[in-house]
Amino acid sequence: MKTLIDKFNRVLENRVRLGIMSLLAVTDAMDFNTMKRHLDVTDGNLATHVAVLESNRYVRVRKEFVGRKPQTTYEITPTGRQAFASHINALEQFIRESRKE
């Protein structure tokens, strides 16, 4: 079992970061307020976790003005999609193996 746990992605072990990646894996992009509402987190909490994902190149952040209001939108990168898929596969494998015991 230890070798299975070693396959987990430490960046994605946090529930908020896993939630961000889960949301972005099923949509083209999501704006800050929508993501914050789905995850039920504060502005600062979301910004902190997105920064970690961005520094690992898992998420792309786009800032623009819509009318006169700033809007921040997030997208999953190909690197992020691969990391997310590998992490989910490792979790599923761990669950399958633990049921056998």
C-alpha atoms as a PDB file:
ATOM      1  CA  MET A   1       0.000   0.000   0.000  1.00  0.00           C
ATOM      2  CA  LYS A   2       2.855   2.408   0.678  1.00  0.00           C
ATOM      3  CA  THR A   3       3.892   2.430  -2.959  1.00  0.00           C
ATOM      4  CA  LEU A   4       0.321   3.279  -3.943  1.00  0.00           C
ATOM      5  CA  ILE A   5       0.258   6.250  -1.568  1.00  0.00           C
ATOM      6  CA  ASP A   6       3.553   7.445  -3.039  1.00  0.00           C
ATOM      7  CA  LYS A   7       1.726   7.917  -6.362  1.00  0.00           C
ATOM      8  CA  PHE A   8      -0.549  10.579  -4.841  1.00  0.00           C
ATOM      9  CA  ASN A   9       0.206  14.122  -6.004  1.00  0.00           C
ATOM     10  CA  ARG A  10       1.053  16.179  -2.919  1.00  0.00           C
ATOM     11  CA  VAL A  11      -0.083  19.417  -4.576  1.00  0.00           C
ATOM     12  CA  LEU A  12      -3.545  17.915  -5.118  1.00  0.00           C
ATOM     13  CA  GLU A  13      -3.956  16.362  -1.667  1.00  0.00           C
ATOM     14  CA  ASN A  14      -5.527  19.564  -0.341  1.00  0.00           C
ATOM     15  CA  ARG A  15      -9.346  19.533  -0.581  1.00  0.00           C
ATOM     16  CA  VAL A  16      -9.616  23.061  -2.001  1.00  0.00           C
ATOM     17  CA  ARG A  17      -6.981  22.467  -4.672  1.00  0.00           C
ATOM     18  CA  LEU A  18      -8.588  19.138  -5.537  1.00  0.00           C
ATOM     19  CA  GLY A  19     -11.924  20.945  -5.789  1.00  0.00           C
ATOM     20  CA  ILE A  20     -10.472  23.611  -8.080  1.00  0.00           C
ATOM     21  CA  MET A  21      -9.002  20.986 -10.373  1.00  0.00           C
ATOM     22  CA  SER A  22     -12.231  18.967 -10.341  1.00  0.00           C
ATOM     23  CA  LEU A  23     -14.239  21.996 -11.419  1.00  0.00           C
ATOM     24  CA  LEU A  24     -11.783  22.966 -14.134  1.00  0.00           C
ATOM     25  CA  ALA A  25     -11.528  19.401 -15.456  1.00  0.00           C
ATOM     26  CA  VAL A  26     -15.189  19.483 -16.506  1.00  0.00           C
ATOM     27  CA  THR A  27     -15.429  23.022 -17.890  1.00  0.00           C
ATOM     28  CA  ASP A  28     -13.468  25.166 -20.317  1.00  0.00           C
ATOM     29  CA  ALA A  29     -12.967  27.983 -17.805  1.00  0.00           C
ATOM     30  CA  MET A  30     -14.479  29.341 -14.615  1.00  0.00           C
ATOM     31  CA  ASP A  31     -14.483  32.820 -13.145  1.00  0.00           C
ATOM     32  CA  PHE A  32     -13.354  33.646  -9.617  1.00  0.00           C
ATOM     33  CA  ASN A  33     -16.782  34.302  -8.094  1.00  0.00           C
ATOM     34  CA  THR A  34     -18.364  31.162  -9.540  1.00  0.00           C
ATOM     35  CA  MET A  35     -15.495  29.029  -8.290  1.00  0.00           C
ATOM     36  CA  LYS A  36     -15.600  30.680  -4.869  1.00  0.00           C
ATOM     37  CA  ARG A  37     -19.328  29.962  -4.629  1.00  0.00           C
ATOM     38  CA  HIS A  38     -18.934  26.294  -5.661  1.00  0.00           C
ATOM     39  CA  LEU A  39     -16.134  25.688  -3.168  1.00  0.00           C
ATOM     40  CA  ASP A  40     -17.556  27.841  -0.361  1.00  0.00           C
ATOM     41  CA  VAL A  41     -14.208  29.478   0.409  1.00  0.00           C
ATOM     42  CA  THR A  42     -13.063  33.027   1.081  1.00  0.00           C
ATOM     43  CA  ASP A  43     -11.410  35.266  -1.515  1.00  0.00           C
ATOM     44  CA  GLY A  44      -8.021  34.910   0.148  1.00  0.00           C
ATOM     45  CA  ASN A  45      -8.314  31.154   0.537  1.00  0.00           C
ATOM     46  CA  LEU A  46      -9.165  30.668  -3.127  1.00  0.00           C
ATOM     47  CA  ALA A  47      -6.427  33.044  -4.274  1.00  0.00           C
ATOM     48  CA  THR A  48      -3.819  31.244  -2.153  1.00  0.00           C
ATOM     49  CA  HIS A  49      -4.707  27.805  -3.499  1.00  0.00           C
ATOM     50  CA  VAL A  50      -4.900  29.010  -7.101  1.00  0.00           C
ATOM     51  CA  ALA A  51      -1.432  30.535  -6.683  1.00  0.00           C
ATOM     52  CA  VAL A  52      -0.047  27.111  -5.696  1.00  0.00           C
ATOM     53  CA  LEU A  53      -1.694  25.484  -8.720  1.00  0.00           C
ATOM     54  CA  GLU A  54      -0.469  28.272 -10.999  1.00  0.00           C
ATOM     55  CA  SER A  55       3.113  27.979  -9.718  1.00  0.00           C
ATOM     56  CA  ASN A  56       2.987  24.260 -10.587  1.00  0.00           C
ATOM     57  CA  ARG A  57       1.630  25.144 -14.054  1.00  0.00           C
ATOM     58  CA  TYR A  58      -1.611  23.237 -13.419  1.00  0.00           C
ATOM     59  CA  VAL A  59      -3.841  26.301 -13.848  1.00  0.00           C
ATOM     60  CA  ARG A  60      -3.726  29.318 -16.146  1.00  0.00           C
ATOM     61  CA  VAL A  61      -5.033  32.604 -14.753  1.00  0.00           C
ATOM     62  CA  ARG A  62      -6.492  35.193 -17.103  1.00  0.00           C
ATOM     63  CA  LYS A  63      -7.357  38.703 -15.916  1.00  0.00           C
ATOM     64  CA  GLU A  64      -9.407  41.051 -18.058  1.00  0.00           C
ATOM     65  CA  PHE A  65     -12.010  43.753 -17.845  1.00  0.00           C
ATOM     66  CA  VAL A  66     -15.623  42.987 -18.676  1.00  0.00           C
ATOM     67  CA  GLY A  67     -17.164  46.373 -19.128  1.00  0.00           C
ATOM     68  CA  ARG A  68     -15.549  48.326 -16.341  1.00  0.00           C
ATOM     69  CA  LYS A  69     -15.255  45.411 -13.928  1.00  0.00           C
ATOM     70  CA  PRO A  70     -12.156  43.241 -13.546  1.00  0.00           C
ATOM     71  CA  GLN A  71     -12.747  39.528 -14.061  1.00  0.00           C
ATOM     72  CA  THR A  72     -10.389  36.686 -13.233  1.00  0.00           C
ATOM     73  CA  THR A  73     -10.881  33.412 -15.053  1.00  0.00           C
ATOM     74  CA  TYR A  74      -9.136  30.083 -14.524  1.00  0.00           C
ATOM     75  CA  GLU A  75      -8.377  27.291 -16.978  1.00  0.00           C
ATOM     76  CA  ILE A  76      -6.739  23.923 -16.480  1.00  0.00           C
ATOM     77  CA  THR A  77      -3.505  23.455 -18.448  1.00  0.00           C
ATOM     78  CA  PRO A  78      -2.495  20.249 -20.244  1.00  0.00           C
ATOM     79  CA  THR A  79       0.062  19.685 -17.461  1.00  0.00           C
ATOM     80  CA  GLY A  80      -2.670  20.182 -14.878  1.00  0.00           C
ATOM     81  CA  ARG A  81      -5.060  17.842 -16.670  1.00  0.00           C
ATOM     82  CA  GLN A  82      -2.390  15.121 -16.730  1.00  0.00           C
ATOM     83  CA  ALA A  83      -1.469  15.634 -13.068  1.00  0.00           C
ATOM     84  CA  PHE A  84      -5.147  15.544 -12.073  1.00  0.00           C
ATOM     85  CA  ALA A  85      -5.810  12.360 -14.065  1.00  0.00           C
ATOM     86  CA  SER A  86      -2.742  10.656 -12.561  1.00  0.00           C
ATOM     87  CA  HIS A  87      -3.792  11.656  -9.044  1.00  0.00           C
ATOM     88  CA  ILE A  88      -7.358  10.387  -9.531  1.00  0.00           C
ATOM     89  CA  ASN A  89      -6.038   7.135 -11.010  1.00  0.00           C
ATOM     90  CA  ALA A  90      -3.759   6.664  -8.003  1.00  0.00           C
ATOM     91  CA  LEU A  91      -6.660   7.287  -5.618  1.00  0.00           C
ATOM     92  CA  GLU A  92      -8.870   4.813  -7.477  1.00  0.00           C
ATOM     93  CA  GLN A  93      -6.132   2.196  -7.504  1.00  0.00           C
ATOM     94  CA  PHE A  94      -5.571   2.682  -3.770  1.00  0.00           C
ATOM     95  CA  ILE A  95      -9.289   2.218  -3.092  1.00  0.00           C
ATOM     96  CA  ARG A  96      -9.479  -0.906  -5.264  1.00  0.00           C
ATOM     97  CA  GLU A  97      -6.445  -2.450  -3.558  1.00  0.00           C
ATOM     98  CA  SER A  98      -7.674  -1.617  -0.063  1.00  0.00           C
ATOM     99  CA  ARG A  99     -10.999  -3.384  -0.758  1.00  0.00           C
ATOM    100  CA  LYS A 100      -9.127  -6.582  -1.613  1.00  0.00           C
ATOM    101  CA  GLU A 101      -7.575  -6.798   1.846  1.00  0.00           C
END
